[in-house]
PDB file of all heavy atoms in Angstrom:
ATOM      1  N   THR A   1      86.512  21.253  78.242  1.00  0.00           N
ATOM      2  CA  THR A   1      85.749  21.137  77.008  1.00  0.00           C
ATOM      3  C   THR A   1      86.160  22.184  75.996  1.00  0.00           C
ATOM      4  O   THR A   1      86.422  21.888  74.819  1.00  0.00           O
ATOM      5  CB  THR A   1      84.254  21.223  77.294  1.00  0.00           C
ATOM      6  OG1 THR A   1      83.844  20.143  78.151  1.00  0.00           O
ATOM      7  CG2 THR A   1      83.447  21.124  75.993  1.00  0.00           C
ATOM      8  N   GLY A   2      86.225  23.450  76.452  1.00  0.00           N
ATOM      9  CA  GLY A   2      86.704  24.521  75.572  1.00  0.00           C
ATOM     10  C   GLY A   2      88.115  24.303  75.111  1.00  0.00           C
ATOM     11  O   GLY A   2      88.438  24.563  73.918  1.00  0.00           O
ATOM     12  N   TYR A   3      88.975  23.857  75.996  1.00  0.00           N
ATOM     13  CA  TYR A   3      90.376  23.595  75.664  1.00  0.00           C
ATOM     14  C   TYR A   3      90.511  22.558  74.552  1.00  0.00           C
ATOM     15  O   TYR A   3      91.318  22.738  73.632  1.00  0.00           O
ATOM     16  CB  TYR A   3      91.096  23.121  76.920  1.00  0.00           C
ATOM     17  CG  TYR A   3      92.550  22.681  76.738  1.00  0.00           C
ATOM     18  CD1 TYR A   3      93.582  23.575  76.817  1.00  0.00           C
ATOM     19  CD2 TYR A   3      92.849  21.335  76.500  1.00  0.00           C
ATOM     20  CE1 TYR A   3      94.897  23.149  76.643  1.00  0.00           C
ATOM     21  CE2 TYR A   3      94.124  20.924  76.351  1.00  0.00           C
ATOM     22  CZ  TYR A   3      95.159  21.823  76.400  1.00  0.00           C
ATOM     23  OH  TYR A   3      96.469  21.408  76.238  1.00  0.00           O
ATOM     24  N   LYS A   4      89.699  21.511  74.613  1.00  0.00           N
ATOM     25  CA  LYS A   4      89.777  20.454  73.601  1.00  0.00           C
ATOM     26  C   LYS A   4      89.319  20.924  72.230  1.00  0.00           C
ATOM     27  O   LYS A   4      89.888  20.521  71.231  1.00  0.00           O
ATOM     28  CB  LYS A   4      88.917  19.269  74.028  1.00  0.00           C
ATOM     29  CG  LYS A   4      89.454  18.478  75.212  1.00  0.00           C
ATOM     30  CD  LYS A   4      88.753  17.146  75.349  1.00  0.00           C
ATOM     31  CE  LYS A   4      87.266  17.305  75.400  1.00  0.00           C
ATOM     32  NZ  LYS A   4      86.574  16.000  75.509  1.00  0.00           N
ATOM     33  N   VAL A   5      88.253  21.702  72.194  1.00  0.00           N
ATOM     34  CA  VAL A   5      87.638  22.061  70.902  1.00  0.00           C
ATOM     35  C   VAL A   5      88.012  23.430  70.424  1.00  0.00           C
ATOM     36  O   VAL A   5      87.626  23.825  69.295  1.00  0.00           O
ATOM     37  CB  VAL A   5      86.096  21.952  70.987  1.00  0.00           C
ATOM     38  CG1 VAL A   5      85.662  20.588  71.465  1.00  0.00           C
ATOM     39  CG2 VAL A   5      85.525  23.026  71.896  1.00  0.00           C
ATOM     40  N   GLY A   6      88.814  24.195  71.187  1.00  0.00           N
ATOM     41  CA  GLY A   6      89.160  25.546  70.817  1.00  0.00           C
ATOM     42  C   GLY A   6      89.715  25.724  69.424  1.00  0.00           C
ATOM     43  O   GLY A   6      89.214  26.543  68.622  1.00  0.00           O
ATOM     44  N   PRO A   7      90.749  24.943  69.039  1.00  0.00           N
ATOM     45  CA  PRO A   7      91.304  25.082  67.680  1.00  0.00           C
ATOM     46  C   PRO A   7      90.265  24.888  66.608  1.00  0.00           C
ATOM     47  O   PRO A   7      90.234  25.622  65.606  1.00  0.00           O
ATOM     48  CB  PRO A   7      92.403  24.042  67.632  1.00  0.00           C
ATOM     49  CG  PRO A   7      92.777  23.809  69.051  1.00  0.00           C
ATOM     50  CD  PRO A   7      91.527  23.981  69.825  1.00  0.00           C
ATOM     51  N   GLN A   8      89.404  23.889  66.769  1.00  0.00           N
ATOM     52  CA  GLN A   8      88.399  23.596  65.730  1.00  0.00           C
ATOM     53  C   GLN A   8      87.287  24.614  65.746  1.00  0.00           C
ATOM     54  O   GLN A   8      86.655  24.875  64.698  1.00  0.00           O
ATOM     55  CB  GLN A   8      87.836  22.182  65.953  1.00  0.00           C
ATOM     56  CG  GLN A   8      88.832  21.092  65.646  1.00  0.00           C
ATOM     57  CD  GLN A   8      89.539  21.307  64.325  1.00  0.00           C
ATOM     58  OE1 GLN A   8      88.919  21.449  63.265  1.00  0.00           O
ATOM     59  NE2 GLN A   8      90.860  21.372  64.336  1.00  0.00           N
ATOM     60  N   PHE A   9      86.971  25.195  66.893  1.00  0.00           N
ATOM     61  CA  PHE A   9      85.948  26.235  66.984  1.00  0.00           C
ATOM     62  C   PHE A   9      86.358  27.438  66.137  1.00  0.00           C
ATOM     63  O   PHE A   9      85.590  27.943  65.292  1.00  0.00           O
ATOM     64  CB  PHE A   9      85.730  26.676  68.421  1.00  0.00           C
ATOM     65  CG  PHE A   9      84.705  27.790  68.551  1.00  0.00           C
ATOM     66  CD1 PHE A   9      83.353  27.544  68.513  1.00  0.00           C
ATOM     67  CD2 PHE A   9      85.110  29.103  68.672  1.00  0.00           C
ATOM     68  CE1 PHE A   9      82.419  28.553  68.613  1.00  0.00           C
ATOM     69  CE2 PHE A   9      84.200  30.118  68.784  1.00  0.00           C
ATOM     70  CZ  PHE A   9      82.859  29.846  68.764  1.00  0.00           C
ATOM     71  N   PHE A  10      87.595  27.880  66.299  1.00  0.00           N
ATOM     72  CA  PHE A  10      88.055  29.038  65.523  1.00  0.00           C
ATOM     73  C   PHE A  10      88.311  28.661  64.065  1.00  0.00           C
ATOM     74  O   PHE A  10      88.156  29.493  63.177  1.00  0.00           O
ATOM     75  CB  PHE A  10      89.337  29.633  66.145  1.00  0.00           C
ATOM     76  CG  PHE A  10      89.025  30.318  67.457  1.00  0.00           C
ATOM     77  CD1 PHE A  10      89.301  29.760  68.668  1.00  0.00           C
ATOM     78  CD2 PHE A  10      88.453  31.595  67.458  1.00  0.00           C
ATOM     79  CE1 PHE A  10      89.029  30.390  69.860  1.00  0.00           C
ATOM     80  CE2 PHE A  10      88.149  32.261  68.616  1.00  0.00           C
ATOM     81  CZ  PHE A  10      88.430  31.660  69.832  1.00  0.00           C
ATOM     82  N   ARG A  11      88.660  27.382  63.812  1.00  0.00           N
ATOM     83  CA  ARG A  11      88.807  26.967  62.435  1.00  0.00           C
ATOM     84  C   ARG A  11      87.439  27.001  61.717  1.00  0.00           C
ATOM     85  O   ARG A  11      87.344  27.259  60.529  1.00  0.00           O
ATOM     86  CB  ARG A  11      89.348  25.526  62.406  1.00  0.00           C
ATOM     87  CG  ARG A  11      89.731  25.129  60.954  1.00  0.00           C
ATOM     88  CD  ARG A  11      89.444  23.701  60.672  1.00  0.00           C
ATOM     89  NE  ARG A  11      89.682  23.326  59.279  1.00  0.00           N
ATOM     90  CZ  ARG A  11      88.912  23.656  58.266  1.00  0.00           C
ATOM     91  NH1 ARG A  11      87.850  24.405  58.437  1.00  0.00           N
ATOM     92  NH2 ARG A  11      89.166  23.228  57.059  1.00  0.00           N
ATOM     93  N   GLY A  12      86.362  26.762  62.476  1.00  0.00           N
ATOM     94  CA  GLY A  12      85.006  26.786  61.927  1.00  0.00           C
ATOM     95  C   GLY A  12      84.588  28.169  61.426  1.00  0.00           C
ATOM     96  O   GLY A  12      83.615  28.300  60.672  1.00  0.00           O
ATOM     97  N   LEU A  13      85.330  29.217  61.828  1.00  0.00           N
ATOM     98  CA  LEU A  13      85.023  30.557  61.392  1.00  0.00           C
ATOM     99  C   LEU A  13      85.646  30.872  60.036  1.00  0.00           C
ATOM    100  O   LEU A  13      85.395  31.939  59.499  1.00  0.00           O
ATOM    101  CB  LEU A  13      85.510  31.573  62.458  1.00  0.00           C
ATOM    102  CG  LEU A  13      84.958  31.355  63.869  1.00  0.00           C
ATOM    103  CD1 LEU A  13      85.513  32.400  64.805  1.00  0.00           C
ATOM    104  CD2 LEU A  13      83.421  31.368  63.867  1.00  0.00           C
ATOM    105  N   LYS A  14      86.454  29.951  59.513  1.00  0.00           N
ATOM    106  CA  LYS A  14      87.067  30.177  58.228  1.00  0.00           C
ATOM    107  C   LYS A  14      86.093  29.822  57.102  1.00  0.00           C
ATOM    108  O   LYS A  14      85.174  29.032  57.272  1.00  0.00           O
ATOM    109  CB  LYS A  14      88.362  29.341  58.089  1.00  0.00           C
ATOM    110  CG  LYS A  14      89.449  29.750  59.073  1.00  0.00           C
ATOM    111  CD  LYS A  14      90.702  28.917  58.876  1.00  0.00           C
ATOM    112  CE  LYS A  14      91.828  29.371  59.793  1.00  0.00           C
ATOM    113  NZ  LYS A  14      93.062  28.558  59.610  1.00  0.00           N
ATOM    114  N   SER A  15      86.376  30.373  55.930  1.00  0.00           N
ATOM    115  CA  SER A  15      85.450  30.225  54.815  1.00  0.00           C
ATOM    116  C   SER A  15      85.277  28.782  54.326  1.00  0.00           C
ATOM    117  O   SER A  15      84.195  28.363  53.941  1.00  0.00           O
ATOM    118  CB  SER A  15      85.874  31.105  53.616  1.00  0.00           C
ATOM    119  OG  SER A  15      87.197  30.736  53.199  1.00  0.00           O
ATOM    120  N   ASP A  16      86.343  27.975  54.369  1.00  0.00           N
ATOM    121  CA  ASP A  16      86.266  26.622  53.832  1.00  0.00           C
ATOM    122  C   ASP A  16      85.426  25.723  54.751  1.00  0.00           C
ATOM    123  O   ASP A  16      85.023  24.620  54.327  1.00  0.00           O
ATOM    124  CB  ASP A  16      87.625  26.010  53.558  1.00  0.00           C
ATOM    125  CG  ASP A  16      88.473  25.910  54.839  1.00  0.00           C
ATOM    126  OD1 ASP A  16      88.175  26.638  55.787  1.00  0.00           O
ATOM    127  OD2 ASP A  16      89.413  25.115  54.853  1.00  0.00           O
ATOM    128  N   ALA A  17      85.214  26.156  55.999  1.00  0.00           N
ATOM    129  CA  ALA A  17      84.377  25.382  56.909  1.00  0.00           C
ATOM    130  C   ALA A  17      82.961  25.948  57.020  1.00  0.00           C
ATOM    131  O   ALA A  17      82.194  25.511  57.854  1.00  0.00           O
ATOM    132  CB  ALA A  17      85.017  25.341  58.297  1.00  0.00           C
ATOM    133  N   LEU A  18      82.646  26.918  56.150  1.00  0.00           N
ATOM    134  CA  LEU A  18      81.366  27.602  56.227  1.00  0.00           C
ATOM    135  C   LEU A  18      80.170  26.685  56.116  1.00  0.00           C
ATOM    136  O   LEU A  18      79.199  26.795  56.885  1.00  0.00           O
ATOM    137  CB  LEU A  18      81.296  28.707  55.180  1.00  0.00           C
ATOM    138  CG  LEU A  18      80.099  29.665  55.253  1.00  0.00           C
ATOM    139  CD1 LEU A  18      80.083  30.364  56.598  1.00  0.00           C
ATOM    140  CD2 LEU A  18      80.144  30.667  54.106  1.00  0.00           C
ATOM    141  N   PRO A  19      80.126  25.693  55.168  1.00  0.00           N
ATOM    142  CA  PRO A  19      78.976  24.807  55.104  1.00  0.00           C
ATOM    143  C   PRO A  19      78.737  24.043  56.398  1.00  0.00           C
ATOM    144  O   PRO A  19      77.568  23.916  56.855  1.00  0.00           O
ATOM    145  CB  PRO A  19      79.315  23.855  53.939  1.00  0.00           C
ATOM    146  CG  PRO A  19      80.257  24.654  53.088  1.00  0.00           C
ATOM    147  CD  PRO A  19      81.084  25.458  54.071  1.00  0.00           C
ATOM    148  N   GLN A  20      79.803  23.540  57.018  1.00  0.00           N
ATOM    149  CA  GLN A  20      79.651  22.797  58.259  1.00  0.00           C
ATOM    150  C   GLN A  20      79.182  23.745  59.357  1.00  0.00           C
ATOM    151  O   GLN A  20      78.354  23.342  60.212  1.00  0.00           O
ATOM    152  CB  GLN A  20      80.985  22.167  58.660  1.00  0.00           C
ATOM    153  CG  GLN A  20      81.446  21.073  57.701  1.00  0.00           C
ATOM    154  CD  GLN A  20      82.748  20.447  58.129  1.00  0.00           C
ATOM    155  OE1 GLN A  20      83.111  20.420  59.331  1.00  0.00           O
ATOM    156  NE2 GLN A  20      83.494  19.901  57.181  1.00  0.00           N
ATOM    157  N   LEU A  21      79.651  24.971  59.357  1.00  0.00           N
ATOM    158  CA  LEU A  21      79.233  25.944  60.365  1.00  0.00           C
ATOM    159  C   LEU A  21      77.740  26.271  60.213  1.00  0.00           C
ATOM    160  O   LEU A  21      76.979  26.316  61.198  1.00  0.00           O
ATOM    161  CB  LEU A  21      80.078  27.222  60.237  1.00  0.00           C
ATOM    162  CG  LEU A  21      79.740  28.376  61.194  1.00  0.00           C
ATOM    163  CD1 LEU A  21      79.957  27.937  62.642  1.00  0.00           C
ATOM    164  CD2 LEU A  21      80.589  29.605  60.882  1.00  0.00           C
ATOM    165  N   ILE A  22      77.298  26.488  58.968  1.00  0.00           N
ATOM    166  CA  ILE A  22      75.911  26.806  58.712  1.00  0.00           C
ATOM    167  C   ILE A  22      75.009  25.656  59.135  1.00  0.00           C
ATOM    168  O   ILE A  22      73.973  25.835  59.783  1.00  0.00           O
ATOM    169  CB  ILE A  22      75.671  27.159  57.234  1.00  0.00           C
ATOM    170  CG1 ILE A  22      76.408  28.470  56.868  1.00  0.00           C
ATOM    171  CG2 ILE A  22      74.185  27.276  56.914  1.00  0.00           C
ATOM    172  CD1 ILE A  22      76.395  28.762  55.377  1.00  0.00           C
ATOM    173  N   LEU A  23      75.395  24.435  58.785  1.00  0.00           N
ATOM    174  CA  LEU A  23      74.619  23.262  59.150  1.00  0.00           C
ATOM    175  C   LEU A  23      74.521  23.141  60.673  1.00  0.00           C
ATOM    176  O   LEU A  23      73.443  22.836  61.218  1.00  0.00           O
ATOM    177  CB  LEU A  23      75.263  21.998  58.565  1.00  0.00           C
ATOM    178  CG  LEU A  23      74.615  20.660  58.907  1.00  0.00           C
ATOM    179  CD1 LEU A  23      73.169  20.638  58.517  1.00  0.00           C
ATOM    180  CD2 LEU A  23      75.374  19.504  58.320  1.00  0.00           C
ATOM    181  N   THR A  24      75.592  23.385  61.373  1.00  0.00           N
ATOM    182  CA  THR A  24      75.590  23.312  62.832  1.00  0.00           C
ATOM    183  C   THR A  24      74.630  24.327  63.444  1.00  0.00           C
ATOM    184  O   THR A  24      73.855  24.011  64.359  1.00  0.00           O
ATOM    185  CB  THR A  24      77.005  23.514  63.384  1.00  0.00           C
ATOM    186  OG1 THR A  24      77.902  22.582  62.794  1.00  0.00           O
ATOM    187  CG2 THR A  24      77.058  23.366  64.888  1.00  0.00           C
ATOM    188  N   VAL A  25      74.677  25.535  62.909  1.00  0.00           N
ATOM    189  CA  VAL A  25      73.760  26.591  63.430  1.00  0.00           C
ATOM    190  C   VAL A  25      72.335  26.176  63.172  1.00  0.00           C
ATOM    191  O   VAL A  25      71.477  26.367  64.058  1.00  0.00           O
ATOM    192  CB  VAL A  25      74.101  27.937  62.770  1.00  0.00           C
ATOM    193  CG1 VAL A  25      73.047  28.984  63.130  1.00  0.00           C
ATOM    194  CG2 VAL A  25      75.476  28.435  63.204  1.00  0.00           C
TER     195      VAL A  25
END
């Protein structure tokens, strides 16, 4: 599970993905 989503998890830490990250939290 971690292997599949790893790239997108770290991509979520970037500023352009911030709204999606905040909504998820």
